[in-house]
Amino acid sequence: MSGLKAWKEYPGWVSTGYKGASISAEVSPELLGVGYIIGPRIAGYLFAGGSLAYLVLHPGHQAVRQRPHTSRSSPRPSSSPT
């Protein structure tokens, strides 16, 4: 719908509470019709998987990635042959 500008092509919302979390959608006639073609049960699975990734997995990955690295108390042994 980018030609008629009837609605935003990529509507979305960015969370301020969780860094990296956002909700967005690609609203195109092809993607809106996929739910009818593949059926509501499979479309529900796809929606649930996308929601899980956007709302849980991605923010969780961002939180783990931003933690400070802890140093080991003893160095790792070298793996070089003797």
N, C-alpha and C. Protein backbone atom coordinates (compact mmCIF):
# COMPACT_ATOMS: atom_id res chain seq x y z
N MET A 1 0.82 -1.19 0.00
CA MET A 1 0.00 0.00 0.00
C MET A 1 0.86 1.25 0.00
N SER A 2 2.06 1.17 -0.45
CA SER A 2 2.90 2.35 -0.45
C SER A 2 2.46 3.35 -1.51
N GLY A 3 1.72 2.91 -2.53
CA GLY A 3 1.27 3.82 -3.58
C GLY A 3 0.16 4.74 -3.14
N LEU A 4 -0.85 4.20 -2.45
CA LEU A 4 -1.99 5.00 -2.02
C LEU A 4 -1.78 5.69 -0.68
N LYS A 5 -0.82 5.23 0.09
CA LYS A 5 -0.54 5.76 1.44
C LYS A 5 -1.78 5.69 2.33
N ALA A 6 -2.56 4.59 2.19
CA ALA A 6 -3.76 4.42 3.00
C ALA A 6 -3.42 4.13 4.46
N TRP A 7 -2.31 3.41 4.70
CA TRP A 7 -1.82 3.17 6.05
C TRP A 7 -0.31 2.98 5.99
N LYS A 8 0.29 2.98 7.17
CA LYS A 8 1.74 2.79 7.23
C LYS A 8 2.09 1.39 6.74
N GLU A 9 3.10 1.30 5.92
CA GLU A 9 3.49 0.00 5.38
C GLU A 9 4.10 -0.89 6.46
N TYR A 10 4.86 -0.31 7.37
CA TYR A 10 5.48 -1.05 8.47
C TYR A 10 5.10 -0.41 9.80
N PRO A 11 3.87 -0.60 10.29
CA PRO A 11 3.52 -0.03 11.59
C PRO A 11 4.27 -0.75 12.70
N GLY A 12 4.58 -0.03 13.76
CA GLY A 12 5.33 -0.66 14.84
C GLY A 12 5.32 0.16 16.11
N TRP A 13 5.80 -0.46 17.17
CA TRP A 13 5.92 0.15 18.48
C TRP A 13 7.22 -0.34 19.11
N VAL A 14 7.99 0.58 19.69
CA VAL A 14 9.26 0.24 20.34
C VAL A 14 9.09 0.40 21.84
N SER A 15 9.46 -0.63 22.57
CA SER A 15 9.32 -0.63 24.03
C SER A 15 10.38 0.26 24.67
N THR A 16 9.98 1.01 25.68
CA THR A 16 10.95 1.79 26.44
C THR A 16 11.40 1.04 27.68
N GLY A 17 10.62 0.04 28.12
CA GLY A 17 10.97 -0.72 29.32
C GLY A 17 12.00 -1.80 29.08
N TYR A 18 11.93 -2.44 27.91
CA TYR A 18 12.86 -3.51 27.58
C TYR A 18 13.69 -3.08 26.39
N LYS A 19 14.98 -2.99 26.61
CA LYS A 19 15.86 -2.54 25.53
C LYS A 19 15.90 -3.59 24.43
N GLY A 20 15.65 -3.18 23.21
CA GLY A 20 15.68 -4.07 22.07
C GLY A 20 14.34 -4.70 21.73
N ALA A 21 13.30 -4.51 22.57
CA ALA A 21 12.00 -5.10 22.31
C ALA A 21 11.16 -4.15 21.46
N SER A 22 10.46 -4.70 20.50
CA SER A 22 9.58 -3.91 19.66
C SER A 22 8.50 -4.81 19.07
N ILE A 23 7.44 -4.20 18.63
CA ILE A 23 6.37 -4.90 17.94
C ILE A 23 6.17 -4.21 16.61
N SER A 24 6.19 -4.98 15.54
CA SER A 24 5.99 -4.39 14.23
C SER A 24 5.31 -5.41 13.32
N ALA A 25 4.82 -4.94 12.21
CA ALA A 25 4.14 -5.82 11.26
C ALA A 25 4.40 -5.33 9.85
N GLU A 26 4.46 -6.26 8.93
CA GLU A 26 4.54 -5.91 7.51
C GLU A 26 3.16 -6.17 6.94
N VAL A 27 2.45 -5.12 6.61
CA VAL A 27 1.06 -5.23 6.18
C VAL A 27 1.01 -5.13 4.66
N SER A 28 1.05 -6.29 4.01
CA SER A 28 0.92 -6.32 2.56
C SER A 28 -0.18 -7.33 2.22
N PRO A 29 -0.87 -7.14 1.12
CA PRO A 29 -1.95 -8.07 0.77
C PRO A 29 -1.50 -9.52 0.65
N GLU A 30 -0.29 -9.75 0.17
CA GLU A 30 0.20 -11.12 0.05
C GLU A 30 0.33 -11.79 1.41
N LEU A 31 0.90 -11.06 2.37
CA LEU A 31 1.10 -11.63 3.69
C LEU A 31 -0.20 -11.73 4.47
N LEU A 32 -1.13 -10.83 4.24
CA LEU A 32 -2.42 -10.92 4.91
C LEU A 32 -3.22 -12.11 4.41
N GLY A 33 -3.04 -12.49 3.15
CA GLY A 33 -3.76 -13.63 2.59
C GLY A 33 -3.15 -14.98 2.92
N VAL A 34 -1.95 -15.02 3.47
CA VAL A 34 -1.30 -16.28 3.78
C VAL A 34 -2.07 -17.05 4.84
N GLY A 35 -2.63 -16.37 5.81
CA GLY A 35 -3.40 -17.05 6.84
C GLY A 35 -4.58 -17.81 6.29
N TYR A 36 -5.19 -17.30 5.26
CA TYR A 36 -6.31 -17.99 4.62
C TYR A 36 -5.82 -19.19 3.83
N ILE A 37 -4.67 -19.07 3.18
CA ILE A 37 -4.16 -20.14 2.34
C ILE A 37 -3.67 -21.32 3.18
N ILE A 38 -2.90 -21.07 4.21
CA ILE A 38 -2.31 -22.17 4.99
C ILE A 38 -3.20 -22.63 6.13
N GLY A 39 -4.23 -21.90 6.45
CA GLY A 39 -5.16 -22.30 7.50
C GLY A 39 -4.88 -21.60 8.82
N PRO A 40 -5.91 -21.46 9.64
CA PRO A 40 -5.76 -20.72 10.89
C PRO A 40 -4.86 -21.40 11.93
N ARG A 41 -4.82 -22.72 11.93
CA ARG A 41 -3.98 -23.40 12.93
C ARG A 41 -2.50 -23.17 12.65
N ILE A 42 -2.06 -23.37 11.43
CA ILE A 42 -0.65 -23.14 11.08
C ILE A 42 -0.32 -21.66 11.17
N ALA A 43 -1.24 -20.79 10.76
CA ALA A 43 -1.01 -19.35 10.89
C ALA A 43 -0.85 -18.96 12.35
N GLY A 44 -1.58 -19.60 13.23
CA GLY A 44 -1.44 -19.34 14.67
C GLY A 44 -0.08 -19.75 15.19
N TYR A 45 0.43 -20.90 14.70
CA TYR A 45 1.77 -21.34 15.10
C TYR A 45 2.83 -20.34 14.63
N LEU A 46 2.69 -19.87 13.42
CA LEU A 46 3.65 -18.88 12.90
C LEU A 46 3.59 -17.59 13.70
N PHE A 47 2.38 -17.13 14.02
CA PHE A 47 2.23 -15.92 14.81
C PHE A 47 2.83 -16.10 16.20
N ALA A 48 2.57 -17.24 16.83
CA ALA A 48 3.10 -17.50 18.17
C ALA A 48 4.63 -17.54 18.16
N GLY A 49 5.21 -18.16 17.14
CA GLY A 49 6.67 -18.22 17.05
C GLY A 49 7.28 -16.85 16.84
N GLY A 50 6.66 -16.03 16.00
CA GLY A 50 7.15 -14.67 15.79
C GLY A 50 7.02 -13.82 17.03
N SER A 51 5.91 -13.99 17.75
CA SER A 51 5.71 -13.24 18.99
C SER A 51 6.73 -13.64 20.04
N LEU A 52 6.98 -14.94 20.16
CA LEU A 52 7.97 -15.42 21.12
C LEU A 52 9.35 -14.86 20.81
N ALA A 53 9.72 -14.85 19.54
CA ALA A 53 11.04 -14.34 19.17
C ALA A 53 11.15 -12.85 19.46
N TYR A 54 10.13 -12.07 19.11
CA TYR A 54 10.21 -10.63 19.28
C TYR A 54 10.09 -10.19 20.73
N LEU A 55 9.24 -10.86 21.51
CA LEU A 55 8.96 -10.39 22.87
C LEU A 55 9.79 -11.07 23.95
N VAL A 56 10.36 -12.25 23.67
CA VAL A 56 11.10 -12.98 24.70
C VAL A 56 12.55 -13.24 24.30
N LEU A 57 12.75 -13.88 23.15
CA LEU A 57 14.09 -14.32 22.80
C LEU A 57 15.03 -13.16 22.46
N HIS A 58 14.59 -12.23 21.64
CA HIS A 58 15.47 -11.11 21.26
C HIS A 58 15.81 -10.22 22.46
N PRO A 59 14.84 -9.78 23.28
CA PRO A 59 15.23 -8.98 24.45
C PRO A 59 16.09 -9.76 25.44
N GLY A 60 15.82 -11.07 25.59
CA GLY A 60 16.65 -11.89 26.47
C GLY A 60 18.08 -11.98 25.97
N HIS A 61 18.23 -12.12 24.67
CA HIS A 61 19.57 -12.17 24.08
C HIS A 61 20.29 -10.84 24.28
N GLN A 62 19.59 -9.74 24.12
CA GLN A 62 20.18 -8.43 24.32
C GLN A 62 20.61 -8.25 25.78
N ALA A 63 19.81 -8.74 26.72
CA ALA A 63 20.14 -8.60 28.14
C ALA A 63 21.38 -9.41 28.49
N VAL A 64 21.48 -10.63 27.96
CA VAL A 64 22.64 -11.47 28.24
C VAL A 64 23.88 -10.91 27.58
N ARG A 65 23.73 -10.39 26.39
CA ARG A 65 24.88 -9.86 25.65
C ARG A 65 25.46 -8.62 26.30
N GLN A 66 24.68 -7.87 27.05
CA GLN A 66 25.15 -6.62 27.64
C GLN A 66 25.68 -6.80 29.05
N ARG A 67 25.65 -8.00 29.59
CA ARG A 67 26.21 -8.22 30.92
C ARG A 67 27.71 -8.09 30.87
N PRO A 68 28.32 -7.57 31.93
CA PRO A 68 29.78 -7.49 31.94
C PRO A 68 30.38 -8.90 32.05
N HIS A 69 31.48 -9.11 31.38
CA HIS A 69 32.14 -10.40 31.41
C HIS A 69 32.88 -10.55 32.73
N THR A 70 32.78 -11.72 33.32
CA THR A 70 33.49 -11.98 34.57
C THR A 70 34.82 -12.65 34.25
N SER A 71 35.83 -12.30 34.99
CA SER A 71 37.14 -12.91 34.76
C SER A 71 37.23 -14.21 35.57
N ARG A 72 37.98 -15.14 35.05
CA ARG A 72 38.17 -16.40 35.75
C ARG A 72 39.21 -16.22 36.85
N SER A 73 39.07 -16.98 37.91
CA SER A 73 40.05 -16.88 39.00
C SER A 73 41.37 -17.56 38.63
N SER A 74 41.30 -18.59 37.81
CA SER A 74 42.53 -19.22 37.36
C SER A 74 42.53 -19.25 35.82
N PRO A 75 43.68 -19.05 35.21
CA PRO A 75 43.71 -19.06 33.75
C PRO A 75 43.44 -20.44 33.19
N ARG A 76 42.97 -20.49 31.98
CA ARG A 76 42.73 -21.76 31.30
C ARG A 76 44.06 -22.44 31.00
N PRO A 77 44.09 -23.75 31.11
CA PRO A 77 45.34 -24.43 30.71
C PRO A 77 45.50 -24.34 29.21
N SER A 78 46.75 -24.26 28.79
CA SER A 78 47.01 -24.15 27.36
C SER A 78 46.77 -25.51 26.71
N SER A 79 46.31 -25.48 25.48
CA SER A 79 46.04 -26.74 24.79
C SER A 79 47.16 -27.12 23.85
N SER A 80 48.31 -26.50 23.97
CA SER A 80 49.43 -26.81 23.09
C SER A 80 50.07 -28.14 23.51
N PRO A 81 50.46 -28.94 22.52
CA PRO A 81 51.09 -30.24 22.87
C PRO A 81 52.46 -30.02 23.50
N THR A 82 52.83 -30.92 24.40
CA THR A 82 54.13 -30.82 25.06
C THR A 82 55.12 -31.80 24.53
